[in-house]
Amino acid sequence: GCVKITPGHDFNDYEMGKRHDLPLLNIFDANAALNDSVPTPYQGLDRF
């Protein structure tokens, strides 16, 4: 009965996030590499 939601990555989660005023957190840049919203060791890495 518990789930993790990611409002920035799923349509249903987005709607749930809006209902609860959750922030939309984008962790990717235009090339799908991780941006500065993630811990330093992962910044700039390709998502895979």
ModelCIF file with pLDDT and N, C-alpha, C, O atoms, coordinates in Angstrom:
data_MODEL
#
_entry.id   MODEL 
#
_entity.id                         1 
_entity.type                       polymer 
_entity.pdbx_number_of_molecules   1 
#
_entity_poly.entity_id                      1 
_entity_poly.type                           'polypeptide(L)' 
_entity_poly.nstd_linkage                   no 
_entity_poly.nstd_monomer                   no 
_entity_poly.pdbx_seq_one_letter_code       GCVKITPGHDFNDYEMGKRHDLPLLNIFDANAALNDSVPTPYQGLDRF 
_entity_poly.pdbx_seq_one_letter_code_can   GCVKITPGHDFNDYEMGKRHDLPLLNIFDANAALNDSVPTPYQGLDRF 
_entity_poly.pdbx_strand_id                 A 
#
loop_
_entity_poly_seq.entity_id 
_entity_poly_seq.num 
_entity_poly_seq.mon_id 
_entity_poly_seq.hetero 
1 1  GLY n 
1 2  CYS n 
1 3  VAL n 
1 4  LYS n 
1 5  ILE n 
1 6  THR n 
1 7  PRO n 
1 8  GLY n 
1 9  HIS n 
1 10 ASP n 
1 11 PHE n 
1 12 ASN n 
1 13 ASP n 
1 14 TYR n 
1 15 GLU n 
1 16 MET n 
1 17 GLY n 
1 18 LYS n 
1 19 ARG n 
1 20 HIS n 
1 21 ASP n 
1 22 LEU n 
1 23 PRO n 
1 24 LEU n 
1 25 LEU n 
1 26 ASN n 
1 27 ILE n 
1 28 PHE n 
1 29 ASP n 
1 30 ALA n 
1 31 ASN n 
1 32 ALA n 
1 33 ALA n 
1 34 LEU n 
1 35 ASN n 
1 36 ASP n 
1 37 SER n 
1 38 VAL n 
1 39 PRO n 
1 40 THR n 
1 41 PRO n 
1 42 TYR n 
1 43 GLN n 
1 44 GLY n 
1 45 LEU n 
1 46 ASP n 
1 47 ARG n 
1 48 PHE n 
#
_struct_asym.id          A 
_struct_asym.entity_id   1 
#
loop_
_ma_qa_metric.id 
_ma_qa_metric.mode 
_ma_qa_metric.name 
_ma_qa_metric.software_group_id 
_ma_qa_metric.type 
1 global pLDDT . pLDDT 
2 local  pLDDT . pLDDT 
#
_ma_qa_metric_global.metric_id      1 
_ma_qa_metric_global.metric_value   90.56 
_ma_qa_metric_global.model_id       1 
_ma_qa_metric_global.ordinal_id     1 
#
loop_
_ma_qa_metric_local.label_asym_id 
_ma_qa_metric_local.label_comp_id 
_ma_qa_metric_local.label_seq_id 
_ma_qa_metric_local.metric_id 
_ma_qa_metric_local.metric_value 
_ma_qa_metric_local.model_id 
_ma_qa_metric_local.ordinal_id 
A GLY 1  2 70.00 1 1  
A CYS 2  2 76.00 1 2  
A VAL 3  2 78.00 1 3  
A LYS 4  2 81.00 1 4  
A ILE 5  2 85.00 1 5  
A THR 6  2 85.00 1 6  
A PRO 7  2 87.00 1 7  
A GLY 8  2 81.00 1 8  
A HIS 9  2 78.00 1 9  
A ASP 10 2 85.00 1 10 
A PHE 11 2 91.00 1 11 
A ASN 12 2 90.00 1 12 
A ASP 13 2 90.00 1 13 
A TYR 14 2 93.00 1 14 
A GLU 15 2 93.00 1 15 
A MET 16 2 92.00 1 16 
A GLY 17 2 92.00 1 17 
A LYS 18 2 94.00 1 18 
A ARG 19 2 94.00 1 19 
A HIS 20 2 93.00 1 20 
A ASP 21 2 93.00 1 21 
A LEU 22 2 91.00 1 22 
A PRO 23 2 89.00 1 23 
A LEU 24 2 88.00 1 24 
A LEU 25 2 87.00 1 25 
A ASN 26 2 89.00 1 26 
A ILE 27 2 91.00 1 27 
A PHE 28 2 93.00 1 28 
A ASP 29 2 95.00 1 29 
A ALA 30 2 95.00 1 30 
A ASN 31 2 94.00 1 31 
A ALA 32 2 92.00 1 32 
A ALA 33 2 97.00 1 33 
A LEU 34 2 96.00 1 34 
A ASN 35 2 97.00 1 35 
A ASP 36 2 95.00 1 36 
A SER 37 2 92.00 1 37 
A VAL 38 2 94.00 1 38 
A PRO 39 2 94.00 1 39 
A THR 40 2 95.00 1 40 
A PRO 41 2 94.00 1 41 
A TYR 42 2 95.00 1 42 
A GLN 43 2 96.00 1 43 
A GLY 44 2 97.00 1 44 
A LEU 45 2 97.00 1 45 
A ASP 46 2 96.00 1 46 
A ARG 47 2 93.00 1 47 
A PHE 48 2 94.00 1 48 
#
loop_
_atom_site.group_PDB 
_atom_site.id 
_atom_site.type_symbol 
_atom_site.label_atom_id 
_atom_site.label_alt_id 
_atom_site.label_comp_id 
_atom_site.label_asym_id 
_atom_site.label_entity_id 
_atom_site.label_seq_id 
_atom_site.pdbx_PDB_ins_code 
_atom_site.Cartn_x 
_atom_site.Cartn_y 
_atom_site.Cartn_z 
_atom_site.occupancy 
_atom_site.B_iso_or_equiv 
_atom_site.pdbx_formal_charge 
_atom_site.auth_seq_id 
_atom_site.auth_comp_id 
_atom_site.auth_asym_id 
_atom_site.auth_atom_id 
_atom_site.pdbx_PDB_model_num 
ATOM 1   N N  . GLY A 1 1  ? 0.821  -1.206 0.000   1.00 70.00 ? 1  GLY A N  1 
ATOM 2   C CA . GLY A 1 1  ? 0.000  0.000  0.000   1.00 70.00 ? 1  GLY A CA 1 
ATOM 3   C C  . GLY A 1 1  ? 0.854  1.255  0.000   1.00 70.00 ? 1  GLY A C  1 
ATOM 4   O O  . GLY A 1 1  ? 0.334  2.368  0.069   1.00 70.00 ? 1  GLY A O  1 
ATOM 5   N N  . CYS A 1 2  ? 2.168  1.074  -0.077  1.00 76.00 ? 2  CYS A N  1 
ATOM 6   C CA . CYS A 1 2  ? 3.103  2.206  -0.118  1.00 76.00 ? 2  CYS A CA 1 
ATOM 7   C C  . CYS A 1 2  ? 3.801  2.208  -1.473  1.00 76.00 ? 2  CYS A C  1 
ATOM 8   O O  . CYS A 1 2  ? 4.192  1.157  -1.981  1.00 76.00 ? 2  CYS A O  1 
ATOM 9   N N  . VAL A 1 3  ? 3.955  3.402  -2.054  1.00 78.00 ? 3  VAL A N  1 
ATOM 10  C CA . VAL A 1 3  ? 4.685  3.531  -3.307  1.00 78.00 ? 3  VAL A CA 1 
ATOM 11  C C  . VAL A 1 3  ? 5.537  4.788  -3.273  1.00 78.00 ? 3  VAL A C  1 
ATOM 12  O O  . VAL A 1 3  ? 5.237  5.743  -2.555  1.00 78.00 ? 3  VAL A O  1 
ATOM 13  N N  . LYS A 1 4  ? 6.591  4.771  -4.051  1.00 81.00 ? 4  LYS A N  1 
ATOM 14  C CA . LYS A 1 4  ? 7.418  5.962  -4.237  1.00 81.00 ? 4  LYS A CA 1 
ATOM 15  C C  . LYS A 1 4  ? 6.911  6.641  -5.497  1.00 81.00 ? 4  LYS A C  1 
ATOM 16  O O  . LYS A 1 4  ? 6.709  5.986  -6.519  1.00 81.00 ? 4  LYS A O  1 
ATOM 17  N N  . ILE A 1 5  ? 6.707  7.932  -5.432  1.00 85.00 ? 5  ILE A N  1 
ATOM 18  C CA . ILE A 1 5  ? 6.262  8.632  -6.631  1.00 85.00 ? 5  ILE A CA 1 
ATOM 19  C C  . ILE A 1 5  ? 7.333  9.618  -7.083  1.00 85.00 ? 5  ILE A C  1 
ATOM 20  O O  . ILE A 1 5  ? 8.078  10.174 -6.275  1.00 85.00 ? 5  ILE A O  1 
ATOM 21  N N  . THR A 1 6  ? 7.386  9.815  -8.377  1.00 85.00 ? 6  THR A N  1 
ATOM 22  C CA . THR A 1 6  ? 8.328  10.767 -8.969  1.00 85.00 ? 6  THR A CA 1 
ATOM 23  C C  . THR A 1 6  ? 7.543  11.665 -9.916  1.00 85.00 ? 6  THR A C  1 
ATOM 24  O O  . THR A 1 6  ? 7.394  11.345 -11.096 1.00 85.00 ? 6  THR A O  1 
ATOM 25  N N  . PRO A 1 7  ? 7.035  12.796 -9.404  1.00 87.00 ? 7  PRO A N  1 
ATOM 26  C CA . PRO A 1 7  ? 6.167  13.667 -10.203 1.00 87.00 ? 7  PRO A CA 1 
ATOM 27  C C  . PRO A 1 7  ? 6.770  14.132 -11.521 1.00 87.00 ? 7  PRO A C  1 
ATOM 28  O O  . PRO A 1 7  ? 6.030  14.445 -12.454 1.00 87.00 ? 7  PRO A O  1 
ATOM 29  N N  . GLY A 1 8  ? 8.087  14.185 -11.619 1.00 81.00 ? 8  GLY A N  1 
ATOM 30  C CA . GLY A 1 8  ? 8.714  14.644 -12.848 1.00 81.00 ? 8  GLY A CA 1 
ATOM 31  C C  . GLY A 1 8  ? 8.930  13.559 -13.879 1.00 81.00 ? 8  GLY A C  1 
ATOM 32  O O  . GLY A 1 8  ? 9.430  13.846 -14.967 1.00 81.00 ? 8  GLY A O  1 
ATOM 33  N N  . HIS A 1 9  ? 8.564  12.298 -13.571 1.00 78.00 ? 9  HIS A N  1 
ATOM 34  C CA . HIS A 1 9  ? 8.896  11.206 -14.486 1.00 78.00 ? 9  HIS A CA 1 
ATOM 35  C C  . HIS A 1 9  ? 7.736  10.288 -14.829 1.00 78.00 ? 9  HIS A C  1 
ATOM 36  O O  . HIS A 1 9  ? 7.930  9.314  -15.556 1.00 78.00 ? 9  HIS A O  1 
ATOM 37  N N  . ASP A 1 10 ? 6.539  10.562 -14.335 1.00 85.00 ? 10 ASP A N  1 
ATOM 38  C CA . ASP A 1 10 ? 5.399  9.680  -14.594 1.00 85.00 ? 10 ASP A CA 1 
ATOM 39  C C  . ASP A 1 10 ? 4.124  10.513 -14.572 1.00 85.00 ? 10 ASP A C  1 
ATOM 40  O O  . ASP A 1 10 ? 3.956  11.361 -13.696 1.00 85.00 ? 10 ASP A O  1 
ATOM 41  N N  . PHE A 1 11 ? 3.220  10.282 -15.531 1.00 91.00 ? 11 PHE A N  1 
ATOM 42  C CA . PHE A 1 11 ? 1.998  11.085 -15.639 1.00 91.00 ? 11 PHE A CA 1 
ATOM 43  C C  . PHE A 1 11 ? 1.110  10.954 -14.404 1.00 91.00 ? 11 PHE A C  1 
ATOM 44  O O  . PHE A 1 11 ? 0.611  11.961 -13.902 1.00 91.00 ? 11 PHE A O  1 
ATOM 45  N N  . ASN A 1 12 ? 0.904  9.741  -13.906 1.00 90.00 ? 12 ASN A N  1 
ATOM 46  C CA . ASN A 1 12 ? 0.075  9.551  -12.716 1.00 90.00 ? 12 ASN A CA 1 
ATOM 47  C C  . ASN A 1 12 ? 0.725  10.172 -11.482 1.00 90.00 ? 12 ASN A C  1 
ATOM 48  O O  . ASN A 1 12 ? 0.055  10.794 -10.658 1.00 90.00 ? 12 ASN A O  1 
ATOM 49  N N  . ASP A 1 13 ? 2.029  9.993  -11.370 1.00 90.00 ? 13 ASP A N  1 
ATOM 50  C CA . ASP A 1 13 ? 2.756  10.600 -10.254 1.00 90.00 ? 13 ASP A CA 1 
ATOM 51  C C  . ASP A 1 13 ? 2.692  12.123 -10.323 1.00 90.00 ? 13 ASP A C  1 
ATOM 52  O O  . ASP A 1 13 ? 2.604  12.798 -9.297  1.00 90.00 ? 13 ASP A O  1 
ATOM 53  N N  . TYR A 1 14 ? 2.735  12.654 -11.541 1.00 93.00 ? 14 TYR A N  1 
ATOM 54  C CA . TYR A 1 14 ? 2.638  14.108 -11.723 1.00 93.00 ? 14 TYR A CA 1 
ATOM 55  C C  . TYR A 1 14 ? 1.317  14.628 -11.153 1.00 93.00 ? 14 TYR A C  1 
ATOM 56  O O  . TYR A 1 14 ? 1.297  15.627 -10.435 1.00 93.00 ? 14 TYR A O  1 
ATOM 57  N N  . GLU A 1 15 ? 0.224  13.950 -11.474 1.00 93.00 ? 15 GLU A N  1 
ATOM 58  C CA . GLU A 1 15 ? -1.088 14.368 -10.968 1.00 93.00 ? 15 GLU A CA 1 
ATOM 59  C C  . GLU A 1 15 ? -1.150 14.264 -9.450  1.00 93.00 ? 15 GLU A C  1 
ATOM 60  O O  . GLU A 1 15 ? -1.704 15.141 -8.788  1.00 93.00 ? 15 GLU A O  1 
ATOM 61  N N  . MET A 1 16 ? -0.589 13.202 -8.902  1.00 92.00 ? 16 MET A N  1 
ATOM 62  C CA . MET A 1 16 ? -0.562 13.042 -7.452  1.00 92.00 ? 16 MET A CA 1 
ATOM 63  C C  . MET A 1 16 ? 0.307  14.126 -6.825  1.00 92.00 ? 16 MET A C  1 
ATOM 64  O O  . MET A 1 16 ? -0.042 14.679 -5.781  1.00 92.00 ? 16 MET A O  1 
ATOM 65  N N  . GLY A 1 17 ? 1.418  14.426 -7.447  1.00 92.00 ? 17 GLY A N  1 
ATOM 66  C CA . GLY A 1 17 ? 2.303  15.479 -6.954  1.00 92.00 ? 17 GLY A CA 1 
ATOM 67  C C  . GLY A 1 17 ? 1.622  16.832 -6.943  1.00 92.00 ? 17 GLY A C  1 
ATOM 68  O O  . GLY A 1 17 ? 1.804  17.615 -6.011  1.00 92.00 ? 17 GLY A O  1 
ATOM 69  N N  . LYS A 1 18 ? 0.831  17.114 -7.982  1.00 94.00 ? 18 LYS A N  1 
ATOM 70  C CA . LYS A 1 18 ? 0.091  18.381 -8.021  1.00 94.00 ? 18 LYS A CA 1 
ATOM 71  C C  . LYS A 1 18 ? -0.910 18.463 -6.867  1.00 94.00 ? 18 LYS A C  1 
ATOM 72  O O  . LYS A 1 18 ? -1.055 19.509 -6.234  1.00 94.00 ? 18 LYS A O  1 
ATOM 73  N N  . ARG A 1 19 ? -1.596 17.350 -6.601  1.00 94.00 ? 19 ARG A N  1 
ATOM 74  C CA . ARG A 1 19 ? -2.584 17.352 -5.509  1.00 94.00 ? 19 ARG A CA 1 
ATOM 75  C C  . ARG A 1 19 ? -1.944 17.634 -4.156  1.00 94.00 ? 19 ARG A C  1 
ATOM 76  O O  . ARG A 1 19 ? -2.595 18.176 -3.262  1.00 94.00 ? 19 ARG A O  1 
ATOM 77  N N  . HIS A 1 20 ? -0.671 17.269 -3.999  1.00 93.00 ? 20 HIS A N  1 
ATOM 78  C CA . HIS A 1 20 ? 0.008  17.401 -2.711  1.00 93.00 ? 20 HIS A CA 1 
ATOM 79  C C  . HIS A 1 20 ? 1.092  18.478 -2.724  1.00 93.00 ? 20 HIS A C  1 
ATOM 80  O O  . HIS A 1 20 ? 1.901  18.557 -1.801  1.00 93.00 ? 20 HIS A O  1 
ATOM 81  N N  . ASP A 1 21 ? 1.107  19.301 -3.766  1.00 93.00 ? 21 ASP A N  1 
ATOM 82  C CA . ASP A 1 21 ? 2.092  20.385 -3.881  1.00 93.00 ? 21 ASP A CA 1 
ATOM 83  C C  . ASP A 1 21 ? 3.531  19.894 -3.749  1.00 93.00 ? 21 ASP A C  1 
ATOM 84  O O  . ASP A 1 21 ? 4.356  20.533 -3.095  1.00 93.00 ? 21 ASP A O  1 
ATOM 85  N N  . LEU A 1 22 ? 3.822  18.762 -4.370  1.00 91.00 ? 22 LEU A N  1 
ATOM 86  C CA . LEU A 1 22 ? 5.181  18.232 -4.333  1.00 91.00 ? 22 LEU A CA 1 
ATOM 87  C C  . LEU A 1 22 ? 6.017  18.910 -5.415  1.00 91.00 ? 22 LEU A C  1 
ATOM 88  O O  . LEU A 1 22 ? 5.492  19.247 -6.476  1.00 91.00 ? 22 LEU A O  1 
ATOM 89  N N  . PRO A 1 23 ? 7.303  19.111 -5.163  1.00 89.00 ? 23 PRO A N  1 
ATOM 90  C CA . PRO A 1 23 ? 8.148  19.763 -6.173  1.00 89.00 ? 23 PRO A CA 1 
ATOM 91  C C  . PRO A 1 23 ? 8.409  18.832 -7.352  1.00 89.00 ? 23 PRO A C  1 
ATOM 92  O O  . PRO A 1 23 ? 8.470  17.612 -7.200  1.00 89.00 ? 23 PRO A O  1 
ATOM 93  N N  . LEU A 1 24 ? 8.562  19.432 -8.528  1.00 88.00 ? 24 LEU A N  1 
ATOM 94  C CA . LEU A 1 24 ? 8.995  18.693 -9.705  1.00 88.00 ? 24 LEU A CA 1 
ATOM 95  C C  . LEU A 1 24 ? 10.506 18.799 -9.759  1.00 88.00 ? 24 LEU A C  1 
ATOM 96  O O  . LEU A 1 24 ? 11.049 19.883 -9.968  1.00 88.00 ? 24 LEU A O  1 
ATOM 97  N N  . LEU A 1 25 ? 11.169 17.706 -9.578  1.00 87.00 ? 25 LEU A N  1 
ATOM 98  C CA . LEU A 1 25 ? 12.618 17.702 -9.551  1.00 87.00 ? 25 LEU A CA 1 
ATOM 99  C C  . LEU A 1 25 ? 13.137 17.052 -10.831 1.00 87.00 ? 25 LEU A C  1 
ATOM 100 O O  . LEU A 1 25 ? 12.882 15.875 -11.087 1.00 87.00 ? 25 LEU A O  1 
ATOM 101 N N  . ASN A 1 26 ? 13.857 17.819 -11.621 1.00 89.00 ? 26 ASN A N  1 
ATOM 102 C CA . ASN A 1 26 ? 14.467 17.292 -12.837 1.00 89.00 ? 26 ASN A CA 1 
ATOM 103 C C  . ASN A 1 26 ? 15.937 17.046 -12.548 1.00 89.00 ? 26 ASN A C  1 
ATOM 104 O O  . ASN A 1 26 ? 16.654 17.964 -12.149 1.00 89.00 ? 26 ASN A O  1 
ATOM 105 N N  . ILE A 1 27 ? 16.390 15.822 -12.744 1.00 91.00 ? 27 ILE A N  1 
ATOM 106 C CA . ILE A 1 27 ? 17.789 15.498 -12.468 1.00 91.00 ? 27 ILE A CA 1 
ATOM 107 C C  . ILE A 1 27 ? 18.609 15.315 -13.743 1.00 91.00 ? 27 ILE A C  1 
ATOM 108 O O  . ILE A 1 27 ? 19.784 14.954 -13.682 1.00 91.00 ? 27 ILE A O  1 
ATOM 109 N N  . PHE A 1 28 ? 17.985 15.567 -14.910 1.00 93.00 ? 28 PHE A N  1 
ATOM 110 C CA . PHE A 1 28 ? 18.677 15.350 -16.182 1.00 93.00 ? 28 PHE A CA 1 
ATOM 111 C C  . PHE A 1 28 ? 18.894 16.647 -16.946 1.00 93.00 ? 28 PHE A C  1 
ATOM 112 O O  . PHE A 1 28 ? 18.108 17.588 -16.837 1.00 93.00 ? 28 PHE A O  1 
ATOM 113 N N  . ASP A 1 29 ? 19.983 16.682 -17.727 1.00 95.00 ? 29 ASP A N  1 
ATOM 114 C CA . ASP A 1 29 ? 20.175 17.793 -18.653 1.00 95.00 ? 29 ASP A CA 1 
ATOM 115 C C  . ASP A 1 29 ? 19.589 17.401 -20.006 1.00 95.00 ? 29 ASP A C  1 
ATOM 116 O O  . ASP A 1 29 ? 18.961 16.348 -20.116 1.00 95.00 ? 29 ASP A O  1 
ATOM 117 N N  . ALA A 1 30 ? 19.775 18.206 -21.015 1.00 95.00 ? 30 ALA A N  1 
ATOM 118 C CA . ALA A 1 30 ? 19.185 17.956 -22.332 1.00 95.00 ? 30 ALA A CA 1 
ATOM 119 C C  . ALA A 1 30 ? 19.708 16.682 -22.988 1.00 95.00 ? 30 ALA A C  1 
ATOM 120 O O  . ALA A 1 30 ? 19.076 16.158 -23.906 1.00 95.00 ? 30 ALA A O  1 
ATOM 121 N N  . ASN A 1 31 ? 20.853 16.177 -22.531 1.00 94.00 ? 31 ASN A N  1 
ATOM 122 C CA . ASN A 1 31 ? 21.444 14.957 -23.092 1.00 94.00 ? 31 ASN A CA 1 
ATOM 123 C C  . ASN A 1 31 ? 21.205 13.728 -22.220 1.00 94.00 ? 31 ASN A C  1 
ATOM 124 O O  . ASN A 1 31 ? 21.794 12.672 -22.455 1.00 94.00 ? 31 ASN A O  1 
ATOM 125 N N  . ALA A 1 32 ? 20.338 13.866 -21.211 1.00 92.00 ? 32 ALA A N  1 
ATOM 126 C CA . ALA A 1 32 ? 20.010 12.789 -20.268 1.00 92.00 ? 32 ALA A CA 1 
ATOM 127 C C  . ALA A 1 32 ? 21.187 12.425 -19.364 1.00 92.00 ? 32 ALA A C  1 
ATOM 128 O O  . ALA A 1 32 ? 21.254 11.313 -18.840 1.00 92.00 ? 32 ALA A O  1 
ATOM 129 N N  . ALA A 1 33 ? 22.103 13.356 -19.188 1.00 97.00 ? 33 ALA A N  1 
ATOM 130 C CA . ALA A 1 33 ? 23.156 13.193 -18.184 1.00 97.00 ? 33 ALA A CA 1 
ATOM 131 C C  . ALA A 1 33 ? 22.638 13.827 -16.896 1.00 97.00 ? 33 ALA A C  1 
ATOM 132 O O  . ALA A 1 33 ? 21.788 14.716 -16.941 1.00 97.00 ? 33 ALA A O  1 
ATOM 133 N N  . LEU A 1 34 ? 23.136 13.384 -15.771 1.00 96.00 ? 34 LEU A N  1 
ATOM 134 C CA . LEU A 1 34 ? 22.667 13.910 -14.494 1.00 96.00 ? 34 LEU A CA 1 
ATOM 135 C C  . LEU A 1 34 ? 23.190 15.318 -14.264 1.00 96.00 ? 34 LEU A C  1 
ATOM 136 O O  . LEU A 1 34 ? 24.353 15.620 -14.533 1.00 96.00 ? 34 LEU A O  1 
ATOM 137 N N  . ASN A 1 35 ? 22.308 16.171 -13.761 1.00 97.00 ? 35 ASN A N  1 
ATOM 138 C CA . ASN A 1 35 ? 22.659 17.583 -13.567 1.00 97.00 ? 35 ASN A CA 1 
ATOM 139 C C  . ASN A 1 35 ? 23.094 17.858 -12.129 1.00 97.00 ? 35 ASN A C  1 
ATOM 140 O O  . ASN A 1 35 ? 23.386 16.924 -11.383 1.00 97.00 ? 35 ASN A O  1 
ATOM 141 N N  . ASP A 1 36 ? 23.140 19.124 -11.736 1.00 95.00 ? 36 ASP A N  1 
ATOM 142 C CA . ASP A 1 36 ? 23.639 19.485 -10.404 1.00 95.00 ? 36 ASP A CA 1 
ATOM 143 C C  . ASP A 1 36 ? 22.603 19.315 -9.298  1.00 95.00 ? 36 ASP A C  1 
ATOM 144 O O  . ASP A 1 36 ? 22.838 19.757 -8.174  1.00 95.00 ? 36 ASP A O  1 
ATOM 145 N N  . SER A 1 37 ? 21.454 18.680 -9.589  1.00 92.00 ? 37 SER A N  1 
ATOM 146 C CA . SER A 1 37 ? 20.467 18.363 -8.556  1.00 92.00 ? 37 SER A CA 1 
ATOM 147 C C  . SER A 1 37 ? 20.769 17.040 -7.869  1.00 92.00 ? 37 SER A C  1 
ATOM 148 O O  . SER A 1 37 ? 20.064 16.643 -6.941  1.00 92.00 ? 37 SER A O  1 
ATOM 149 N N  . VAL A 1 38 ? 21.810 16.359 -8.318  1.00 94.00 ? 38 VAL A N  1 
ATOM 150 C CA . VAL A 1 38 ? 22.186 15.065 -7.745  1.00 94.00 ? 38 VAL A CA 1 
ATOM 151 C C  . VAL A 1 38 ? 23.502 15.220 -6.984  1.00 94.00 ? 38 VAL A C  1 
ATOM 152 O O  . VAL A 1 38 ? 24.196 16.221 -7.158  1.00 94.00 ? 38 VAL A O  1 
ATOM 153 N N  . PRO A 1 39 ? 23.856 14.242 -6.140  1.00 94.00 ? 39 PRO A N  1 
ATOM 154 C CA . PRO A 1 39 ? 25.138 14.313 -5.439  1.00 94.00 ? 39 PRO A CA 1 
ATOM 155 C C  . PRO A 1 39 ? 26.311 14.448 -6.418  1.00 94.00 ? 39 PRO A C  1 
ATOM 156 O O  . PRO A 1 39 ? 26.273 13.917 -7.528  1.00 94.00 ? 39 PRO A O  1 
ATOM 157 N N  . THR A 1 40 ? 27.322 15.149 -5.996  1.00 95.00 ? 40 THR A N  1 
ATOM 158 C CA . THR A 1 40 ? 28.487 15.470 -6.818  1.00 95.00 ? 40 THR A CA 1 
ATOM 159 C C  . THR A 1 40 ? 29.082 14.270 -7.565  1.00 95.00 ? 40 THR A C  1 
ATOM 160 O O  . THR A 1 40 ? 29.421 14.417 -8.739  1.00 95.00 ? 40 THR A O  1 
ATOM 161 N N  . PRO A 1 41 ? 29.228 13.083 -6.941  1.00 94.00 ? 41 PRO A N  1 
ATOM 162 C CA . PRO A 1 41 ? 29.850 11.972 -7.683  1.00 94.00 ? 41 PRO A CA 1 
ATOM 163 C C  . PRO A 1 41 ? 29.085 11.533 -8.934  1.00 94.00 ? 41 PRO A C  1 
ATOM 164 O O  . PRO A 1 41 ? 29.652 10.857 -9.793  1.00 94.00 ? 41 PRO A O  1 
ATOM 165 N N  . TYR A 1 42 ? 27.812 11.905 -9.049  1.00 95.00 ? 42 TYR A N  1 
ATOM 166 C CA . TYR A 1 42 ? 26.992 11.470 -10.180 1.00 95.00 ? 42 TYR A CA 1 
ATOM 167 C C  . TYR A 1 42 ? 26.747 12.574 -11.206 1.00 95.00 ? 42 TYR A C  1 
ATOM 168 O O  . TYR A 1 42 ? 26.242 12.304 -12.296 1.00 95.00 ? 42 TYR A O  1 
ATOM 169 N N  . GLN A 1 43 ? 27.096 13.796 -10.872 1.00 96.00 ? 43 GLN A N  1 
ATOM 170 C CA . GLN A 1 43 ? 26.846 14.922 -11.774 1.00 96.00 ? 43 GLN A CA 1 
ATOM 171 C C  . GLN A 1 43 ? 27.620 14.751 -13.075 1.00 96.00 ? 43 GLN A C  1 
ATOM 172 O O  . GLN A 1 43 ? 28.811 14.440 -13.072 1.00 96.00 ? 43 GLN A O  1 
ATOM 173 N N  . GLY A 1 44 ? 26.922 14.961 -14.186 1.00 97.00 ? 44 GLY A N  1 
ATOM 174 C CA . GLY A 1 44 ? 27.538 14.872 -15.501 1.00 97.00 ? 44 GLY A CA 1 
ATOM 175 C C  . GLY A 1 44 ? 27.579 13.477 -16.093 1.00 97.00 ? 44 GLY A C  1 
ATOM 176 O O  . GLY A 1 44 ? 27.907 13.315 -17.268 1.00 97.00 ? 44 GLY A O  1 
ATOM 177 N N  . LEU A 1 45 ? 27.251 12.461 -15.296 1.00 97.00 ? 45 LEU A N  1 
ATOM 178 C CA . LEU A 1 45 ? 27.289 11.086 -15.811 1.00 97.00 ? 45 LEU A CA 1 
ATOM 179 C C  . LEU A 1 45 ? 26.066 10.793 -16.675 1.00 97.00 ? 45 LEU A C  1 
ATOM 180 O O  . LEU A 1 45 ? 24.975 11.296 -16.410 1.00 97.00 ? 45 LEU A O  1 
ATOM 181 N N  . ASP A 1 46 ? 26.253 9.987  -17.695 1.00 96.00 ? 46 ASP A N  1 
ATOM 182 C CA . ASP A 1 46 ? 25.130 9.466  -18.467 1.00 96.00 ? 46 ASP A CA 1 
ATOM 183 C C  . ASP A 1 46 ? 24.227 8.687  -17.517 1.00 96.00 ? 46 ASP A C  1 
ATOM 184 O O  . ASP A 1 46 ? 24.707 8.077  -16.562 1.00 96.00 ? 46 ASP A O  1 
ATOM 185 N N  . ARG A 1 47 ? 22.930 8.706  -17.776 1.00 93.00 ? 47 ARG A N  1 
ATOM 186 C CA . ARG A 1 47 ? 21.970 8.080  -16.864 1.00 93.00 ? 47 ARG A CA 1 
ATOM 187 C C  . ARG A 1 47 ? 22.244 6.596  -16.661 1.00 93.00 ? 47 ARG A C  1 
ATOM 188 O O  . ARG A 1 47 ? 22.056 6.089  -15.555 1.00 93.00 ? 47 ARG A O  1 
ATOM 189 N N  . PHE A 1 48 ? 22.681 5.890  -17.688 1.00 94.00 ? 48 PHE A N  1 
ATOM 190 C CA . PHE A 1 48 ? 22.942 4.461  -17.566 1.00 94.00 ? 48 PHE A CA 1 
ATOM 191 C C  . PHE A 1 48 ? 24.227 4.201  -16.762 1.00 94.00 ? 48 PHE A C  1 
ATOM 192 O O  . PHE A 1 48 ? 24.604 3.047  -16.559 1.00 94.00 ? 48 PHE A O  1 
#
